């Protein structure tokens, strides 16, 4: 059973669609890797899955009780390493 799913989801920020009719099903125990070029929509997809931004079309479904989180991995501007 899906714990999280996207059905025909589209997303744009005033220009061409970043996501166009995306379908995705995530089941308990799935391991997922999200790869893509800069500007391809990886962070936007994660924010959308987390509920931080609304979809332009389609729907996001979460099983009751499922929690999501997006933790960006920004590199510190001052790195005290070697």
N, C-alpha and C. Protein backbone atom coordinates (compact mmCIF):
# COMPACT_ATOMS: atom_id res chain seq x y z
N UNK A 1 0.84 -1.18 0.00
CA UNK A 1 0.00 0.00 0.00
C UNK A 1 0.89 1.25 0.00
N UNK A 2 0.51 2.23 -0.80
CA UNK A 2 1.28 3.47 -0.91
C UNK A 2 1.17 4.28 0.38
N UNK A 3 2.33 4.81 0.81
CA UNK A 3 2.30 5.73 1.94
C UNK A 3 2.28 7.18 1.45
N UNK A 4 2.70 7.37 0.19
CA UNK A 4 2.73 8.69 -0.41
C UNK A 4 2.60 8.51 -1.91
N UNK A 5 1.76 9.32 -2.55
CA UNK A 5 1.64 9.21 -4.00
C UNK A 5 1.34 10.56 -4.62
N UNK A 6 1.82 10.72 -5.84
CA UNK A 6 1.51 11.88 -6.67
C UNK A 6 0.70 11.37 -7.85
N UNK A 7 -0.37 12.08 -8.18
CA UNK A 7 -1.22 11.69 -9.30
C UNK A 7 -1.38 12.87 -10.25
N UNK A 8 -0.75 12.75 -11.44
CA UNK A 8 -0.85 13.77 -12.48
C UNK A 8 -0.49 15.17 -11.96
N UNK A 9 0.59 15.26 -11.20
CA UNK A 9 1.00 16.52 -10.58
C UNK A 9 1.79 17.39 -11.55
N UNK A 10 1.42 18.66 -11.62
CA UNK A 10 2.14 19.65 -12.41
C UNK A 10 2.49 20.83 -11.52
N UNK A 11 3.64 21.45 -11.83
CA UNK A 11 4.12 22.57 -11.03
C UNK A 11 4.93 23.50 -11.93
N UNK A 12 4.66 24.80 -11.82
CA UNK A 12 5.41 25.81 -12.57
C UNK A 12 5.52 27.05 -11.69
N UNK A 13 6.56 27.82 -11.90
CA UNK A 13 6.76 29.06 -11.15
C UNK A 13 6.75 30.24 -12.11
N UNK A 14 5.68 30.39 -12.88
CA UNK A 14 5.54 31.52 -13.78
C UNK A 14 6.18 31.32 -15.14
N UNK A 15 6.82 30.21 -15.38
CA UNK A 15 7.44 29.92 -16.67
C UNK A 15 7.00 28.55 -17.15
N UNK A 16 7.89 27.88 -17.88
CA UNK A 16 7.56 26.52 -18.31
C UNK A 16 7.36 25.60 -17.11
N UNK A 17 6.59 24.55 -17.31
CA UNK A 17 6.33 23.61 -16.22
C UNK A 17 7.63 22.94 -15.77
N UNK A 18 7.83 22.95 -14.46
CA UNK A 18 8.96 22.26 -13.86
C UNK A 18 8.64 20.78 -13.74
N UNK A 19 7.41 20.48 -13.34
CA UNK A 19 6.90 19.11 -13.28
C UNK A 19 5.63 19.08 -14.12
N UNK A 20 5.50 18.06 -14.96
CA UNK A 20 4.36 17.99 -15.88
C UNK A 20 3.73 16.60 -15.83
N UNK A 21 2.57 16.50 -15.21
CA UNK A 21 1.80 15.25 -15.12
C UNK A 21 2.61 14.12 -14.50
N UNK A 22 3.25 14.40 -13.37
CA UNK A 22 4.10 13.42 -12.68
C UNK A 22 3.24 12.45 -11.87
N UNK A 23 3.55 11.17 -11.99
CA UNK A 23 2.95 10.12 -11.17
C UNK A 23 4.06 9.45 -10.38
N UNK A 24 3.84 9.24 -9.09
CA UNK A 24 4.84 8.63 -8.22
C UNK A 24 4.14 7.91 -7.09
N UNK A 25 4.55 6.68 -6.82
CA UNK A 25 4.02 5.93 -5.69
C UNK A 25 5.19 5.48 -4.83
N UNK A 26 5.11 5.77 -3.54
CA UNK A 26 6.13 5.37 -2.58
C UNK A 26 5.48 4.44 -1.57
N UNK A 27 6.06 3.26 -1.42
CA UNK A 27 5.53 2.28 -0.48
C UNK A 27 6.44 2.18 0.73
N UNK A 28 5.91 1.71 1.84
CA UNK A 28 6.71 1.52 3.05
C UNK A 28 7.92 0.65 2.73
N UNK A 29 9.08 1.07 3.19
CA UNK A 29 10.31 0.32 2.96
C UNK A 29 11.05 0.70 1.69
N UNK A 30 10.43 1.51 0.82
CA UNK A 30 11.11 1.94 -0.41
C UNK A 30 12.29 2.83 -0.08
N UNK A 31 13.34 2.69 -0.88
CA UNK A 31 14.49 3.60 -0.82
C UNK A 31 14.53 4.32 -2.15
N UNK A 32 14.67 5.62 -2.07
CA UNK A 32 14.53 6.44 -3.27
C UNK A 32 15.74 7.35 -3.42
N UNK A 33 16.21 7.48 -4.65
CA UNK A 33 17.30 8.40 -4.97
C UNK A 33 16.76 9.38 -6.01
N UNK A 34 16.94 10.65 -5.78
CA UNK A 34 16.45 11.67 -6.68
C UNK A 34 17.65 12.37 -7.32
N UNK A 35 17.80 12.20 -8.62
CA UNK A 35 18.93 12.76 -9.36
C UNK A 35 18.43 13.68 -10.46
N UNK A 36 19.22 14.70 -10.77
CA UNK A 36 18.87 15.59 -11.86
C UNK A 36 19.81 16.78 -11.92
N UNK A 37 19.77 17.45 -13.07
CA UNK A 37 20.60 18.65 -13.26
C UNK A 37 20.12 19.78 -12.36
N UNK A 38 20.97 20.79 -12.21
CA UNK A 38 20.56 22.00 -11.49
C UNK A 38 19.33 22.59 -12.18
N UNK A 39 18.35 22.96 -11.38
CA UNK A 39 17.14 23.57 -11.93
C UNK A 39 16.13 22.59 -12.50
N UNK A 40 16.37 21.30 -12.34
CA UNK A 40 15.47 20.29 -12.90
C UNK A 40 14.20 20.10 -12.07
N UNK A 41 14.20 20.59 -10.81
CA UNK A 41 13.01 20.48 -9.98
C UNK A 41 13.12 19.52 -8.82
N UNK A 42 14.32 19.07 -8.50
CA UNK A 42 14.50 18.11 -7.39
C UNK A 42 14.06 18.70 -6.06
N UNK A 43 14.54 19.87 -5.73
CA UNK A 43 14.17 20.51 -4.46
C UNK A 43 12.70 20.87 -4.44
N UNK A 44 12.18 21.32 -5.56
CA UNK A 44 10.75 21.65 -5.64
C UNK A 44 9.90 20.41 -5.43
N UNK A 45 10.30 19.29 -5.99
CA UNK A 45 9.58 18.04 -5.78
C UNK A 45 9.59 17.65 -4.31
N UNK A 46 10.74 17.79 -3.66
CA UNK A 46 10.83 17.46 -2.24
C UNK A 46 9.95 18.40 -1.40
N UNK A 47 9.95 19.68 -1.72
CA UNK A 47 9.11 20.64 -0.99
C UNK A 47 7.63 20.34 -1.22
N UNK A 48 7.29 19.92 -2.43
CA UNK A 48 5.92 19.56 -2.75
C UNK A 48 5.50 18.31 -1.97
N UNK A 49 6.36 17.29 -1.93
CA UNK A 49 6.06 16.07 -1.18
C UNK A 49 5.89 16.36 0.31
N UNK A 50 6.61 17.35 0.80
CA UNK A 50 6.54 17.73 2.21
C UNK A 50 5.31 18.59 2.52
N UNK A 51 4.65 19.09 1.47
CA UNK A 51 3.49 19.95 1.68
C UNK A 51 3.84 21.41 1.86
N UNK A 52 5.08 21.78 1.57
CA UNK A 52 5.53 23.17 1.73
C UNK A 52 5.04 24.07 0.61
N UNK A 53 4.78 23.52 -0.57
CA UNK A 53 4.25 24.29 -1.69
C UNK A 53 3.08 23.52 -2.30
N UNK A 54 2.09 24.24 -2.83
CA UNK A 54 0.94 23.57 -3.43
C UNK A 54 1.22 23.16 -4.88
N UNK A 55 0.49 22.17 -5.36
CA UNK A 55 0.60 21.77 -6.76
C UNK A 55 -0.26 22.70 -7.61
N UNK A 56 0.11 22.85 -8.88
CA UNK A 56 -0.71 23.62 -9.81
C UNK A 56 -1.85 22.76 -10.34
N UNK A 57 -1.60 21.46 -10.47
CA UNK A 57 -2.61 20.51 -10.95
C UNK A 57 -2.29 19.15 -10.37
N UNK A 58 -3.30 18.29 -10.31
CA UNK A 58 -3.11 16.94 -9.78
C UNK A 58 -3.29 16.92 -8.27
N UNK A 59 -2.85 15.81 -7.66
CA UNK A 59 -3.00 15.69 -6.21
C UNK A 59 -1.87 14.91 -5.58
N UNK A 60 -1.60 15.26 -4.33
CA UNK A 60 -0.64 14.55 -3.49
C UNK A 60 -1.45 13.85 -2.41
N UNK A 61 -1.22 12.55 -2.25
CA UNK A 61 -1.94 11.79 -1.22
C UNK A 61 -0.94 11.21 -0.24
N UNK A 62 -1.24 11.37 1.05
CA UNK A 62 -0.41 10.81 2.12
C UNK A 62 -1.27 9.89 2.96
N UNK A 63 -0.74 8.72 3.28
CA UNK A 63 -1.45 7.85 4.21
C UNK A 63 -1.51 8.56 5.56
N UNK A 64 -2.61 8.40 6.26
CA UNK A 64 -2.79 9.04 7.56
C UNK A 64 -1.64 8.64 8.49
N UNK A 65 -1.07 9.64 9.16
CA UNK A 65 0.01 9.40 10.11
C UNK A 65 1.40 9.46 9.51
N UNK A 66 1.50 9.57 8.18
CA UNK A 66 2.81 9.64 7.53
C UNK A 66 3.37 11.05 7.68
N UNK A 67 4.59 11.14 8.17
CA UNK A 67 5.27 12.42 8.31
C UNK A 67 6.37 12.51 7.27
N UNK A 68 6.54 13.67 6.69
CA UNK A 68 7.62 13.90 5.74
C UNK A 68 8.44 15.09 6.21
N UNK A 69 9.69 15.14 5.77
CA UNK A 69 10.56 16.26 6.11
C UNK A 69 11.55 16.47 4.97
N UNK A 70 11.90 17.71 4.75
CA UNK A 70 12.89 18.07 3.75
C UNK A 70 14.01 18.78 4.49
N UNK A 71 15.21 18.21 4.44
CA UNK A 71 16.36 18.78 5.13
C UNK A 71 17.41 19.12 4.07
N UNK A 72 17.46 20.38 3.63
CA UNK A 72 18.45 20.75 2.62
C UNK A 72 19.86 20.62 3.18
N UNK A 73 20.77 20.24 2.34
CA UNK A 73 22.15 20.03 2.76
C UNK A 73 23.04 21.15 2.22
N UNK A 74 22.78 22.37 2.67
CA UNK A 74 23.57 23.52 2.23
C UNK A 74 24.97 23.45 2.84
N UNK A 75 25.97 23.72 2.03
CA UNK A 75 27.35 23.74 2.48
C UNK A 75 27.60 25.06 3.21
N UNK A 76 28.19 25.01 4.41
CA UNK A 76 28.43 26.26 5.15
C UNK A 76 29.34 27.20 4.36
N UNK A 77 29.08 28.50 4.48
CA UNK A 77 29.89 29.46 3.72
C UNK A 77 31.30 29.59 4.29
N UNK A 78 31.46 29.35 5.58
CA UNK A 78 32.80 29.37 6.19
C UNK A 78 33.06 27.99 6.76
N UNK A 79 33.91 27.25 6.11
CA UNK A 79 34.21 25.87 6.51
C UNK A 79 35.56 25.86 7.22
N UNK A 80 35.58 25.54 8.53
CA UNK A 80 36.84 25.59 9.28
C UNK A 80 37.70 24.33 9.10
N UNK A 81 37.60 23.69 7.96
CA UNK A 81 38.36 22.46 7.74
C UNK A 81 39.73 22.74 7.14
N UNK A 82 40.32 21.73 6.58
CA UNK A 82 41.66 21.87 6.00
C UNK A 82 41.62 22.46 4.62
